[in-house]
């Protein structure tokens, strides 16, 4: 008998791989995408394609407005996306509290669907320095989840799975390729156009391209 799981699905490479991994161990995957006021909708369109192609049981989009808070190049069009390569420190593409908010929504979805598992494609190796992608943060959130929910109080403890958190981008691509992920469906670019074409110069594009090169896999990304 399969068990339900909630999978946060952005439409990018990492979350697509995470969904494939959750499916591979037998979960019925309830995918959750967050329309948080990001610069483009191409990644949400990609999430819908990925959910269907990888056999998700359901796919839901929740809308919130982090643009009202601002403070990030991904939610404020007045802040340019960096294109000069990955730099030390936390970049302006960090969205304040985004992962906390997304995980909280996934936690709510898990309570409603009866899922005891949340899968999240956070990565702490080939990433842009975001503090809410670190393993210690994920452990802390799992502790919070098991203190804060009716389900946990009544005995259904929740587990937060972050299966790619210590993998390089190349290793993530190798895992996903072995599981049949078609990365041509995914969008990782911070400033993709309406057709999902990538800029090729933002941090996310640079990390993605280097990952395909390192994995020895042809890059299927559509660039502008």
N, C-alpha and C. Protein backbone atom coordinates (compact mmCIF):
# COMPACT_ATOMS: atom_id res chain seq x y z
N UNK A 1 0.84 -1.19 0.00
CA UNK A 1 0.00 0.00 0.00
C UNK A 1 0.88 1.25 0.00
N UNK A 2 0.62 2.16 -0.92
CA UNK A 2 1.41 3.39 -0.99
C UNK A 2 0.97 4.37 0.08
N UNK A 3 1.87 5.25 0.47
CA UNK A 3 1.56 6.27 1.47
C UNK A 3 1.64 7.64 0.83
N UNK A 4 0.80 8.58 1.28
CA UNK A 4 0.84 9.92 0.71
C UNK A 4 2.05 10.70 1.20
N UNK A 5 2.55 11.57 0.34
CA UNK A 5 3.63 12.48 0.70
C UNK A 5 3.36 13.81 0.01
N UNK A 6 3.79 14.88 0.66
CA UNK A 6 3.72 16.21 0.04
C UNK A 6 5.09 16.54 -0.50
N UNK A 7 5.13 16.95 -1.77
CA UNK A 7 6.40 17.31 -2.42
C UNK A 7 6.31 18.76 -2.87
N UNK A 8 7.23 19.59 -2.37
CA UNK A 8 7.31 20.97 -2.84
C UNK A 8 7.93 20.98 -4.22
N UNK A 9 7.23 21.55 -5.18
CA UNK A 9 7.63 21.45 -6.58
C UNK A 9 7.70 22.85 -7.18
N UNK A 10 8.91 23.32 -7.44
CA UNK A 10 9.08 24.67 -7.99
C UNK A 10 9.01 24.68 -9.50
N UNK A 11 9.31 23.55 -10.12
CA UNK A 11 9.44 23.50 -11.57
C UNK A 11 10.88 23.46 -12.03
N UNK A 12 11.80 23.54 -11.06
CA UNK A 12 13.22 23.51 -11.38
C UNK A 12 13.80 22.11 -11.34
N UNK A 13 15.09 22.06 -11.61
CA UNK A 13 15.81 20.79 -11.70
C UNK A 13 15.79 20.02 -10.38
N UNK A 14 16.07 20.72 -9.28
CA UNK A 14 16.19 20.05 -7.99
C UNK A 14 14.87 19.45 -7.52
N UNK A 15 13.80 20.21 -7.64
CA UNK A 15 12.51 19.71 -7.15
C UNK A 15 11.98 18.59 -8.04
N UNK A 16 12.27 18.64 -9.33
CA UNK A 16 11.85 17.55 -10.22
C UNK A 16 12.54 16.25 -9.84
N UNK A 17 13.83 16.34 -9.53
CA UNK A 17 14.58 15.16 -9.09
C UNK A 17 14.02 14.63 -7.78
N UNK A 18 13.69 15.53 -6.88
CA UNK A 18 13.14 15.13 -5.58
C UNK A 18 11.81 14.42 -5.75
N UNK A 19 10.95 14.91 -6.64
CA UNK A 19 9.68 14.24 -6.92
C UNK A 19 9.92 12.84 -7.46
N UNK A 20 10.87 12.70 -8.38
CA UNK A 20 11.17 11.38 -8.94
C UNK A 20 11.65 10.43 -7.85
N UNK A 21 12.43 10.92 -6.91
CA UNK A 21 12.94 10.09 -5.83
C UNK A 21 11.81 9.67 -4.89
N UNK A 22 10.89 10.58 -4.60
CA UNK A 22 9.75 10.24 -3.75
C UNK A 22 8.85 9.20 -4.42
N UNK A 23 8.64 9.35 -5.72
CA UNK A 23 7.84 8.38 -6.45
C UNK A 23 8.53 7.01 -6.47
N UNK A 24 9.86 7.02 -6.57
CA UNK A 24 10.62 5.77 -6.69
C UNK A 24 10.51 4.91 -5.44
N UNK A 25 10.26 5.53 -4.29
CA UNK A 25 10.12 4.74 -3.06
C UNK A 25 8.65 4.44 -2.75
N UNK A 26 7.76 4.78 -3.68
CA UNK A 26 6.38 4.33 -3.58
C UNK A 26 5.36 5.30 -3.03
N UNK A 27 5.73 6.57 -2.89
CA UNK A 27 4.75 7.53 -2.36
C UNK A 27 3.71 7.93 -3.42
N UNK A 28 2.50 8.17 -2.98
CA UNK A 28 1.52 8.93 -3.74
C UNK A 28 1.82 10.40 -3.48
N UNK A 29 2.28 11.11 -4.49
CA UNK A 29 2.83 12.45 -4.28
C UNK A 29 1.79 13.55 -4.54
N UNK A 30 1.55 14.32 -3.51
CA UNK A 30 0.71 15.52 -3.60
C UNK A 30 1.66 16.70 -3.76
N UNK A 31 1.78 17.20 -4.98
CA UNK A 31 2.75 18.26 -5.26
C UNK A 31 2.17 19.63 -4.93
N UNK A 32 3.01 20.46 -4.36
CA UNK A 32 2.59 21.80 -3.94
C UNK A 32 3.57 22.81 -4.52
N UNK A 33 3.05 23.71 -5.35
CA UNK A 33 3.86 24.79 -5.91
C UNK A 33 3.37 26.11 -5.32
N UNK A 34 4.29 27.03 -5.12
CA UNK A 34 3.96 28.30 -4.49
C UNK A 34 4.16 29.44 -5.48
N UNK A 35 3.07 30.12 -5.78
CA UNK A 35 3.12 31.34 -6.57
C UNK A 35 3.28 32.48 -5.57
N UNK A 36 4.53 32.88 -5.36
CA UNK A 36 4.81 33.84 -4.28
C UNK A 36 5.08 35.26 -4.80
N UNK A 37 4.81 35.48 -6.08
CA UNK A 37 5.07 36.79 -6.66
C UNK A 37 6.44 36.86 -7.30
N UNK A 38 6.96 35.71 -7.74
CA UNK A 38 8.27 35.67 -8.37
C UNK A 38 8.26 36.39 -9.72
N UNK A 39 9.44 36.64 -10.25
CA UNK A 39 9.60 37.48 -11.44
C UNK A 39 8.87 36.92 -12.66
N UNK A 40 8.71 35.62 -12.76
CA UNK A 40 8.07 35.03 -13.93
C UNK A 40 7.26 33.80 -13.52
N UNK A 41 6.33 33.41 -14.40
CA UNK A 41 5.47 32.26 -14.15
C UNK A 41 5.96 31.01 -14.88
N UNK A 42 7.05 31.13 -15.60
CA UNK A 42 7.53 30.00 -16.39
C UNK A 42 7.82 28.78 -15.53
N UNK A 43 8.36 29.00 -14.30
CA UNK A 43 8.66 27.86 -13.45
C UNK A 43 7.39 27.19 -12.94
N UNK A 44 6.32 27.95 -12.77
CA UNK A 44 5.05 27.34 -12.36
C UNK A 44 4.45 26.51 -13.50
N UNK A 45 4.60 27.00 -14.73
CA UNK A 45 4.17 26.21 -15.89
C UNK A 45 4.98 24.92 -15.95
N UNK A 46 6.28 25.03 -15.68
CA UNK A 46 7.15 23.85 -15.68
C UNK A 46 6.74 22.87 -14.60
N UNK A 47 6.36 23.39 -13.43
CA UNK A 47 5.94 22.51 -12.34
C UNK A 47 4.73 21.67 -12.74
N UNK A 48 3.80 22.27 -13.45
CA UNK A 48 2.63 21.52 -13.91
C UNK A 48 3.03 20.41 -14.87
N UNK A 49 3.96 20.70 -15.76
CA UNK A 49 4.44 19.67 -16.71
C UNK A 49 5.13 18.54 -15.97
N UNK A 50 5.99 18.90 -15.02
CA UNK A 50 6.76 17.90 -14.28
C UNK A 50 5.83 17.01 -13.45
N UNK A 51 4.87 17.62 -12.77
CA UNK A 51 3.94 16.85 -11.95
C UNK A 51 3.20 15.81 -12.78
N UNK A 52 2.74 16.21 -13.96
CA UNK A 52 2.02 15.28 -14.82
C UNK A 52 2.95 14.19 -15.35
N UNK A 53 4.12 14.59 -15.82
CA UNK A 53 5.04 13.62 -16.44
C UNK A 53 5.55 12.59 -15.44
N UNK A 54 5.74 13.00 -14.18
CA UNK A 54 6.30 12.09 -13.19
C UNK A 54 5.25 11.41 -12.32
N UNK A 55 4.00 11.52 -12.73
CA UNK A 55 2.96 10.71 -12.10
C UNK A 55 2.51 11.16 -10.73
N UNK A 56 2.50 12.47 -10.49
CA UNK A 56 1.99 12.96 -9.21
C UNK A 56 0.51 12.64 -9.08
N UNK A 57 0.10 12.35 -7.86
CA UNK A 57 -1.32 12.07 -7.62
C UNK A 57 -2.15 13.35 -7.74
N UNK A 58 -1.55 14.47 -7.32
CA UNK A 58 -2.25 15.75 -7.37
C UNK A 58 -1.21 16.86 -7.46
N UNK A 59 -1.63 18.00 -7.99
CA UNK A 59 -0.76 19.17 -8.04
C UNK A 59 -1.59 20.40 -7.72
N UNK A 60 -1.14 21.14 -6.73
CA UNK A 60 -1.86 22.32 -6.26
C UNK A 60 -0.92 23.52 -6.27
N UNK A 61 -1.44 24.68 -6.66
CA UNK A 61 -0.68 25.93 -6.60
C UNK A 61 -1.32 26.83 -5.54
N UNK A 62 -0.52 27.25 -4.59
CA UNK A 62 -0.98 28.17 -3.54
C UNK A 62 -0.39 29.54 -3.82
N UNK A 63 -1.22 30.57 -3.76
CA UNK A 63 -0.77 31.92 -4.08
C UNK A 63 -0.62 32.76 -2.81
N UNK A 64 0.56 33.34 -2.67
CA UNK A 64 0.82 34.32 -1.62
C UNK A 64 1.57 35.48 -2.26
N UNK A 65 1.72 36.60 -1.57
CA UNK A 65 2.35 37.76 -2.17
C UNK A 65 3.57 38.19 -1.37
N UNK A 66 4.70 37.55 -1.63
CA UNK A 66 5.94 37.98 -0.98
C UNK A 66 6.49 39.24 -1.62
N UNK A 67 5.94 39.63 -2.77
CA UNK A 67 6.31 40.90 -3.36
C UNK A 67 5.91 42.07 -2.47
N UNK A 68 4.86 41.88 -1.67
CA UNK A 68 4.43 42.93 -0.74
C UNK A 68 5.47 43.16 0.35
N UNK A 69 6.27 42.14 0.62
CA UNK A 69 7.37 42.27 1.59
C UNK A 69 8.61 42.80 0.90
N UNK A 70 8.91 42.26 -0.28
CA UNK A 70 10.06 42.72 -1.06
C UNK A 70 11.38 42.23 -0.49
N UNK A 71 12.44 42.98 -0.78
CA UNK A 71 13.75 42.66 -0.26
C UNK A 71 14.52 41.64 -1.05
N UNK A 72 14.03 41.26 -2.24
CA UNK A 72 14.70 40.25 -3.05
C UNK A 72 14.59 40.60 -4.52
N UNK A 73 15.64 40.27 -5.28
CA UNK A 73 15.59 40.47 -6.73
C UNK A 73 14.56 39.57 -7.40
N UNK A 74 14.11 38.52 -6.70
CA UNK A 74 13.12 37.63 -7.30
C UNK A 74 11.69 38.11 -7.11
N UNK A 75 11.49 39.09 -6.23
CA UNK A 75 10.13 39.59 -5.99
C UNK A 75 10.01 41.10 -6.23
N UNK A 76 11.11 41.78 -6.43
CA UNK A 76 11.10 43.24 -6.64
C UNK A 76 11.81 43.52 -7.96
N UNK A 77 11.05 43.93 -8.96
CA UNK A 77 11.62 44.16 -10.30
C UNK A 77 12.61 45.33 -10.32
N UNK A 78 12.61 46.14 -9.26
CA UNK A 78 13.55 47.26 -9.19
C UNK A 78 14.95 46.80 -8.77
N UNK A 79 15.07 45.56 -8.28
CA UNK A 79 16.37 45.01 -7.87
C UNK A 79 16.85 44.09 -8.97
N UNK A 80 17.95 44.41 -9.64
CA UNK A 80 18.39 43.55 -10.75
C UNK A 80 18.93 42.21 -10.27
N UNK A 81 18.70 41.18 -11.08
CA UNK A 81 19.26 39.86 -10.81
C UNK A 81 20.75 39.89 -11.14
N UNK A 82 21.62 39.44 -10.23
CA UNK A 82 23.06 39.45 -10.51
C UNK A 82 23.40 38.52 -11.69
N UNK A 83 24.32 38.97 -12.54
CA UNK A 83 24.70 38.18 -13.72
C UNK A 83 26.21 38.06 -13.85
N UNK A 84 26.95 38.40 -12.81
CA UNK A 84 28.42 38.41 -12.89
C UNK A 84 29.06 37.17 -12.27
N UNK A 85 28.28 36.13 -12.04
CA UNK A 85 28.82 34.91 -11.46
C UNK A 85 28.54 34.83 -9.97
N UNK A 86 28.64 33.61 -9.43
CA UNK A 86 28.35 33.38 -8.03
C UNK A 86 29.40 34.07 -7.16
N UNK A 87 28.95 34.93 -6.24
CA UNK A 87 29.83 35.70 -5.38
C UNK A 87 29.70 35.23 -3.94
N UNK A 88 30.71 35.50 -3.08
CA UNK A 88 30.60 35.14 -1.67
C UNK A 88 29.45 35.89 -0.99
N UNK A 89 28.93 35.29 0.07
CA UNK A 89 27.86 35.93 0.83
C UNK A 89 26.48 35.56 0.33
N UNK A 90 25.48 36.14 0.96
CA UNK A 90 24.08 35.86 0.62
C UNK A 90 23.65 36.84 -0.47
N UNK A 91 23.25 36.35 -1.64
CA UNK A 91 22.94 37.25 -2.75
C UNK A 91 21.55 37.89 -2.62
N UNK A 92 21.31 38.88 -3.48
CA UNK A 92 20.02 39.59 -3.45
C UNK A 92 18.89 38.72 -3.99
N UNK A 93 19.19 37.54 -4.52
CA UNK A 93 18.13 36.62 -4.94
C UNK A 93 17.56 35.82 -3.77
N UNK A 94 18.16 35.95 -2.60
CA UNK A 94 17.56 35.35 -1.40
C UNK A 94 16.23 36.03 -1.13
N UNK A 95 15.18 35.21 -0.94
CA UNK A 95 13.83 35.74 -0.64
C UNK A 95 13.58 35.56 0.85
N UNK A 96 13.44 36.65 1.60
CA UNK A 96 13.29 36.55 3.04
C UNK A 96 12.16 35.60 3.45
N UNK A 97 12.53 34.60 4.25
CA UNK A 97 11.58 33.64 4.86
C UNK A 97 10.87 32.74 3.86
N UNK A 98 11.29 32.72 2.59
CA UNK A 98 10.56 31.95 1.59
C UNK A 98 10.46 30.47 1.94
N UNK A 99 11.59 29.84 2.28
CA UNK A 99 11.54 28.41 2.55
C UNK A 99 10.73 28.09 3.79
N UNK A 100 10.79 28.97 4.79
CA UNK A 100 9.98 28.77 5.99
C UNK A 100 8.50 28.81 5.65
N UNK A 101 8.13 29.77 4.81
CA UNK A 101 6.72 29.90 4.42
C UNK A 101 6.28 28.70 3.57
N UNK A 102 7.12 28.30 2.63
CA UNK A 102 6.76 27.17 1.77
C UNK A 102 6.64 25.88 2.58
N UNK A 103 7.57 25.67 3.51
CA UNK A 103 7.50 24.47 4.33
C UNK A 103 6.28 24.49 5.24
N UNK A 104 5.92 25.66 5.73
CA UNK A 104 4.72 25.77 6.56
C UNK A 104 3.46 25.41 5.77
N UNK A 105 3.41 25.85 4.51
CA UNK A 105 2.27 25.49 3.66
C UNK A 105 2.27 24.00 3.35
N UNK A 106 3.45 23.44 3.13
CA UNK A 106 3.53 21.98 2.91
C UNK A 106 3.10 21.22 4.16
N UNK A 107 3.43 21.76 5.31
CA UNK A 107 3.02 21.14 6.57
C UNK A 107 1.50 21.14 6.70
N UNK A 108 0.87 22.25 6.33
CA UNK A 108 -0.59 22.32 6.36
C UNK A 108 -1.20 21.31 5.39
N UNK A 109 -0.61 21.22 4.20
CA UNK A 109 -1.11 20.25 3.20
C UNK A 109 -0.96 18.82 3.71
N UNK A 110 0.15 18.55 4.41
CA UNK A 110 0.36 17.21 4.95
C UNK A 110 -0.69 16.86 5.98
N UNK A 111 -1.05 17.81 6.81
CA UNK A 111 -2.09 17.55 7.81
C UNK A 111 -3.42 17.22 7.14
N UNK A 112 -3.74 17.95 6.09
CA UNK A 112 -5.03 17.77 5.42
C UNK A 112 -5.07 16.46 4.64
N UNK A 113 -3.96 16.10 4.00
CA UNK A 113 -3.94 14.89 3.17
C UNK A 113 -3.60 13.63 3.96
N UNK A 114 -3.24 13.78 5.22
CA UNK A 114 -2.87 12.63 6.02
C UNK A 114 -1.46 12.13 5.76
N UNK A 115 -0.63 12.99 5.15
CA UNK A 115 0.74 12.59 4.84
C UNK A 115 1.63 12.74 6.08
N UNK A 116 2.54 11.79 6.25
CA UNK A 116 3.52 11.87 7.32
C UNK A 116 4.90 12.25 6.77
N UNK A 117 4.97 12.57 5.48
CA UNK A 117 6.24 12.84 4.84
C UNK A 117 6.14 14.08 3.96
N UNK A 118 7.13 14.97 4.10
CA UNK A 118 7.29 16.11 3.21
C UNK A 118 8.65 15.96 2.53
N UNK A 119 8.67 16.12 1.22
CA UNK A 119 9.90 16.04 0.44
C UNK A 119 10.22 17.42 -0.12
N UNK A 120 11.47 17.85 0.07
CA UNK A 120 11.86 19.21 -0.29
C UNK A 120 13.24 19.17 -0.95
N UNK A 121 13.37 19.77 -2.12
CA UNK A 121 14.61 19.70 -2.88
C UNK A 121 15.63 20.76 -2.53
N UNK A 122 15.81 21.05 -1.26
CA UNK A 122 16.84 22.01 -0.84
C UNK A 122 18.22 21.40 -1.08
N UNK A 123 19.17 22.27 -1.40
CA UNK A 123 20.54 21.81 -1.64
C UNK A 123 21.53 22.76 -0.98
N UNK A 124 22.49 22.20 -0.27
CA UNK A 124 23.46 23.01 0.48
C UNK A 124 24.87 22.91 -0.09
N UNK A 125 25.00 22.39 -1.32
CA UNK A 125 26.32 22.25 -1.92
C UNK A 125 26.45 23.22 -3.09
N UNK A 126 25.84 22.89 -4.23
CA UNK A 126 25.86 23.79 -5.38
C UNK A 126 24.64 24.70 -5.31
N UNK A 127 24.72 25.73 -4.50
CA UNK A 127 23.60 26.65 -4.34
C UNK A 127 24.16 28.05 -4.14
N UNK A 128 23.31 29.03 -3.94
CA UNK A 128 23.75 30.43 -3.94
C UNK A 128 23.97 31.01 -2.55
N UNK A 129 24.10 30.18 -1.53
CA UNK A 129 24.41 30.70 -0.21
C UNK A 129 23.21 31.03 0.65
N UNK A 130 22.06 30.47 0.35
CA UNK A 130 20.86 30.79 1.12
C UNK A 130 20.89 30.11 2.50
N UNK A 131 20.65 30.86 3.56
CA UNK A 131 20.71 30.26 4.91
C UNK A 131 19.61 29.24 5.17
N UNK A 132 18.48 29.35 4.47
CA UNK A 132 17.37 28.43 4.71
C UNK A 132 17.45 27.19 3.81
N UNK A 133 18.65 26.89 3.30
CA UNK A 133 18.90 25.64 2.59
C UNK A 133 19.85 24.74 3.37
N UNK A 134 20.22 25.13 4.57
CA UNK A 134 21.21 24.36 5.34
C UNK A 134 20.57 23.17 6.05
N UNK A 135 21.31 22.07 6.20
CA UNK A 135 20.77 20.89 6.88
C UNK A 135 20.29 21.18 8.29
N UNK A 136 21.00 22.04 9.03
CA UNK A 136 20.58 22.34 10.41
C UNK A 136 19.23 23.05 10.46
N UNK A 137 18.95 23.85 9.42
CA UNK A 137 17.63 24.48 9.35
C UNK A 137 16.56 23.43 9.11
N UNK A 138 16.82 22.48 8.22
CA UNK A 138 15.84 21.44 7.93
C UNK A 138 15.53 20.61 9.18
N UNK A 139 16.56 20.29 9.96
CA UNK A 139 16.34 19.54 11.20
C UNK A 139 15.51 20.35 12.17
N UNK A 140 15.77 21.65 12.24
CA UNK A 140 15.01 22.50 13.15
C UNK A 140 13.55 22.60 12.74
N UNK A 141 13.30 22.68 11.42
CA UNK A 141 11.91 22.75 10.97
C UNK A 141 11.17 21.46 11.27
N UNK A 142 11.82 20.33 11.08
CA UNK A 142 11.17 19.06 11.40
C UNK A 142 10.80 18.99 12.88
N UNK A 143 11.67 19.49 13.74
CA UNK A 143 11.36 19.55 15.18
C UNK A 143 10.14 20.43 15.42
N UNK A 144 10.12 21.60 14.78
CA UNK A 144 8.98 22.51 14.90
C UNK A 144 7.69 21.82 14.45
N UNK A 145 7.76 21.14 13.31
CA UNK A 145 6.56 20.50 12.75
C UNK A 145 5.96 19.49 13.72
N UNK A 146 6.82 18.81 14.44
CA UNK A 146 6.32 17.78 15.36
C UNK A 146 5.91 18.33 16.71
N UNK A 147 6.11 19.63 16.89
CA UNK A 147 5.59 20.31 18.07
C UNK A 147 4.29 21.06 17.78
N UNK A 148 4.10 21.42 16.50
CA UNK A 148 3.08 22.40 16.16
C UNK A 148 1.80 21.83 15.58
N UNK A 149 1.74 20.53 15.30
CA UNK A 149 0.61 20.01 14.54
C UNK A 149 -0.27 19.07 15.35
N UNK A 150 -1.54 19.12 15.03
CA UNK A 150 -2.50 18.19 15.61
C UNK A 150 -2.10 16.75 15.30
N UNK A 151 -1.64 16.53 14.07
CA UNK A 151 -1.28 15.17 13.66
C UNK A 151 -0.18 14.60 14.56
N UNK A 152 0.86 15.40 14.81
CA UNK A 152 1.97 14.92 15.63
C UNK A 152 1.55 14.70 17.08
N UNK A 153 0.74 15.60 17.59
CA UNK A 153 0.26 15.46 18.98
C UNK A 153 -0.55 14.17 19.13
N UNK A 154 -1.26 13.80 18.07
CA UNK A 154 -2.08 12.59 18.11
C UNK A 154 -1.31 11.34 17.67
N UNK A 155 -0.01 11.49 17.43
CA UNK A 155 0.81 10.31 17.19
C UNK A 155 1.33 10.10 15.78
N UNK A 156 0.94 10.95 14.82
CA UNK A 156 1.44 10.80 13.46
C UNK A 156 2.58 11.78 13.24
N UNK A 157 3.78 11.35 13.60
CA UNK A 157 4.94 12.22 13.48
C UNK A 157 5.27 12.46 12.01
N UNK A 158 5.75 13.65 11.74
CA UNK A 158 6.07 14.04 10.38
C UNK A 158 7.58 13.98 10.16
N UNK A 159 7.97 13.52 8.96
CA UNK A 159 9.39 13.48 8.60
C UNK A 159 9.62 14.37 7.39
N UNK A 160 10.64 15.21 7.48
CA UNK A 160 11.03 16.09 6.38
C UNK A 160 12.21 15.45 5.65
N UNK A 161 11.99 15.11 4.38
CA UNK A 161 13.02 14.46 3.57
C UNK A 161 13.69 15.51 2.68
N UNK A 162 15.01 15.58 2.74
CA UNK A 162 15.77 16.48 1.86
C UNK A 162 16.86 15.63 1.19
N UNK A 163 16.47 14.79 0.24
CA UNK A 163 17.38 13.74 -0.26
C UNK A 163 18.54 14.25 -1.09
N UNK A 164 18.49 15.49 -1.57
CA UNK A 164 19.59 15.98 -2.41
C UNK A 164 20.41 17.05 -1.70
N UNK A 165 20.19 17.23 -0.41
CA UNK A 165 20.77 18.39 0.27
C UNK A 165 22.30 18.37 0.30
N UNK A 166 22.89 17.19 0.27
CA UNK A 166 24.36 17.11 0.30
C UNK A 166 24.95 16.67 -1.03
N UNK A 167 24.14 16.65 -2.08
CA UNK A 167 24.63 16.23 -3.40
C UNK A 167 25.09 17.43 -4.22
N UNK A 168 26.10 17.21 -5.05
CA UNK A 168 26.48 18.23 -6.01
C UNK A 168 25.42 18.29 -7.11
N UNK A 169 25.42 19.38 -7.86
CA UNK A 169 24.44 19.50 -8.95
C UNK A 169 24.63 18.38 -9.96
N UNK A 170 25.88 18.00 -10.22
CA UNK A 170 26.14 16.91 -11.16
C UNK A 170 25.55 15.60 -10.65
N UNK A 171 25.70 15.33 -9.35
CA UNK A 171 25.15 14.10 -8.78
C UNK A 171 23.62 14.11 -8.81
N UNK A 172 23.03 15.27 -8.59
CA UNK A 172 21.57 15.39 -8.66
C UNK A 172 21.09 15.03 -10.06
N UNK A 173 21.78 15.55 -11.07
CA UNK A 173 21.41 15.29 -12.45
C UNK A 173 21.59 13.81 -12.79
N UNK A 174 22.65 13.21 -12.29
CA UNK A 174 22.85 11.77 -12.53
C UNK A 174 21.71 10.96 -11.92
N UNK A 175 21.33 11.30 -10.67
CA UNK A 175 20.23 10.58 -10.01
C UNK A 175 18.94 10.74 -10.79
N UNK A 176 18.63 11.96 -11.17
CA UNK A 176 17.38 12.20 -11.88
C UNK A 176 17.34 11.53 -13.24
N UNK A 177 18.46 11.58 -13.94
CA UNK A 177 18.54 10.93 -15.24
C UNK A 177 18.28 9.43 -15.12
N UNK A 178 18.85 8.82 -14.08
CA UNK A 178 18.63 7.39 -13.86
C UNK A 178 17.17 7.08 -13.56
N UNK A 179 16.45 8.07 -13.00
CA UNK A 179 15.04 7.88 -12.68
C UNK A 179 14.11 8.34 -13.80
N UNK A 180 14.69 8.75 -14.91
CA UNK A 180 13.89 9.10 -16.07
C UNK A 180 13.39 10.52 -16.12
N UNK A 181 13.99 11.43 -15.36
CA UNK A 181 13.56 12.83 -15.40
C UNK A 181 14.00 13.47 -16.71
N UNK A 182 13.06 14.11 -17.37
CA UNK A 182 13.36 14.87 -18.60
C UNK A 182 13.59 16.31 -18.18
N UNK A 183 14.85 16.70 -18.07
CA UNK A 183 15.16 18.05 -17.58
C UNK A 183 14.81 19.15 -18.57
N UNK A 184 14.48 18.78 -19.80
CA UNK A 184 14.02 19.79 -20.76
C UNK A 184 12.71 20.41 -20.31
N UNK A 185 11.97 19.72 -19.44
CA UNK A 185 10.69 20.24 -18.94
C UNK A 185 10.88 21.30 -17.87
N UNK A 186 12.06 21.34 -17.25
CA UNK A 186 12.25 22.16 -16.06
C UNK A 186 12.77 23.55 -16.41
N UNK A 187 12.51 24.49 -15.50
CA UNK A 187 13.00 25.87 -15.63
C UNK A 187 13.67 26.26 -14.32
N UNK A 188 14.95 26.63 -14.39
CA UNK A 188 15.70 27.02 -13.20
C UNK A 188 16.07 28.49 -13.18
N UNK A 189 16.02 29.15 -14.33
CA UNK A 189 16.50 30.52 -14.48
C UNK A 189 15.72 31.50 -13.61
N UNK A 190 16.44 32.44 -12.99
CA UNK A 190 15.81 33.47 -12.17
C UNK A 190 15.04 34.49 -12.99
N UNK A 191 15.37 34.59 -14.28
CA UNK A 191 14.71 35.60 -15.11
C UNK A 191 14.37 35.02 -16.49
N UNK A 192 13.77 33.83 -16.47
CA UNK A 192 13.32 33.21 -17.72
C UNK A 192 12.24 34.06 -18.37
N UNK A 193 12.14 33.95 -19.69
CA UNK A 193 11.09 34.69 -20.37
C UNK A 193 9.78 33.89 -20.35
N UNK A 194 8.75 34.42 -20.99
CA UNK A 194 7.43 33.80 -20.92
C UNK A 194 7.41 32.41 -21.53
N UNK A 195 8.35 32.14 -22.43
CA UNK A 195 8.43 30.82 -23.06
C UNK A 195 9.30 29.86 -22.26
N UNK A 196 9.83 30.33 -21.12
CA UNK A 196 10.67 29.48 -20.29
C UNK A 196 12.13 29.44 -20.72
N UNK A 197 12.52 30.32 -21.63
CA UNK A 197 13.91 30.33 -22.09
C UNK A 197 14.80 31.00 -21.05
N UNK A 198 15.95 30.38 -20.79
CA UNK A 198 16.84 30.82 -19.72
C UNK A 198 17.80 31.90 -20.19
N UNK A 199 18.21 32.76 -19.23
CA UNK A 199 19.13 33.85 -19.56
C UNK A 199 20.56 33.35 -19.75
N UNK A 200 20.92 32.28 -19.03
CA UNK A 200 22.25 31.70 -19.17
C UNK A 200 23.33 32.36 -18.33
N UNK A 201 23.01 33.47 -17.65
CA UNK A 201 24.06 34.20 -16.92
C UNK A 201 23.76 34.42 -15.44
N UNK A 202 22.55 34.16 -14.98
CA UNK A 202 22.26 34.31 -13.55
C UNK A 202 22.91 33.16 -12.78
N UNK A 203 22.96 33.29 -11.45
CA UNK A 203 23.59 32.26 -10.63
C UNK A 203 22.99 30.88 -10.90
N UNK A 204 21.65 30.83 -10.95
CA UNK A 204 20.98 29.54 -11.12
C UNK A 204 21.33 28.91 -12.46
N UNK A 205 21.39 29.71 -13.52
CA UNK A 205 21.76 29.18 -14.83
C UNK A 205 23.20 28.67 -14.83
N UNK A 206 24.08 29.41 -14.19
CA UNK A 206 25.49 29.01 -14.16
C UNK A 206 25.67 27.68 -13.42
N UNK A 207 24.99 27.55 -12.28
CA UNK A 207 25.09 26.31 -11.50
C UNK A 207 24.48 25.14 -12.26
N UNK A 208 23.38 25.38 -12.93
CA UNK A 208 22.71 24.33 -13.70
C UNK A 208 23.59 23.85 -14.85
N UNK A 209 24.15 24.81 -15.61
CA UNK A 209 24.99 24.45 -16.75
C UNK A 209 26.22 23.67 -16.30
N UNK A 210 26.85 24.13 -15.22
CA UNK A 210 28.02 23.43 -14.69
C UNK A 210 27.66 22.03 -14.22
N UNK A 211 26.45 21.86 -13.71
CA UNK A 211 26.00 20.54 -13.28
C UNK A 211 25.90 19.56 -14.42
N UNK A 212 25.33 20.00 -15.53
CA UNK A 212 25.24 19.11 -16.69
C UNK A 212 26.62 18.77 -17.22
N UNK A 213 27.51 19.77 -17.24
CA UNK A 213 28.87 19.51 -17.70
C UNK A 213 29.56 18.49 -16.79
N UNK A 214 29.39 18.67 -15.47
CA UNK A 214 30.02 17.76 -14.52
C UNK A 214 29.46 16.35 -14.59
N UNK A 215 28.17 16.25 -14.91
CA UNK A 215 27.52 14.94 -14.99
C UNK A 215 27.80 14.24 -16.31
N UNK A 216 28.32 14.97 -17.27
CA UNK A 216 28.54 14.38 -18.59
C UNK A 216 27.24 14.13 -19.32
N UNK A 217 26.24 14.98 -19.03
CA UNK A 217 24.92 14.85 -19.64
C UNK A 217 24.67 16.08 -20.50
N UNK A 218 24.13 15.89 -21.69
CA UNK A 218 23.83 17.02 -22.58
C UNK A 218 22.84 17.96 -21.90
N UNK A 219 23.12 19.24 -21.95
CA UNK A 219 22.26 20.25 -21.35
C UNK A 219 21.06 20.51 -22.25
N UNK A 220 19.83 20.16 -21.78
CA UNK A 220 18.66 20.34 -22.63
C UNK A 220 18.00 21.71 -22.47
N UNK A 221 18.64 22.59 -21.69
CA UNK A 221 18.05 23.90 -21.39
C UNK A 221 17.88 24.73 -22.67
N UNK A 222 16.75 25.38 -22.78
CA UNK A 222 16.50 26.30 -23.89
C UNK A 222 16.93 27.70 -23.45
N UNK A 223 17.97 28.22 -24.07
CA UNK A 223 18.48 29.54 -23.71
C UNK A 223 17.96 30.60 -24.67
N UNK A 224 17.90 31.82 -24.19
CA UNK A 224 17.47 32.93 -25.05
C UNK A 224 18.46 33.14 -26.19
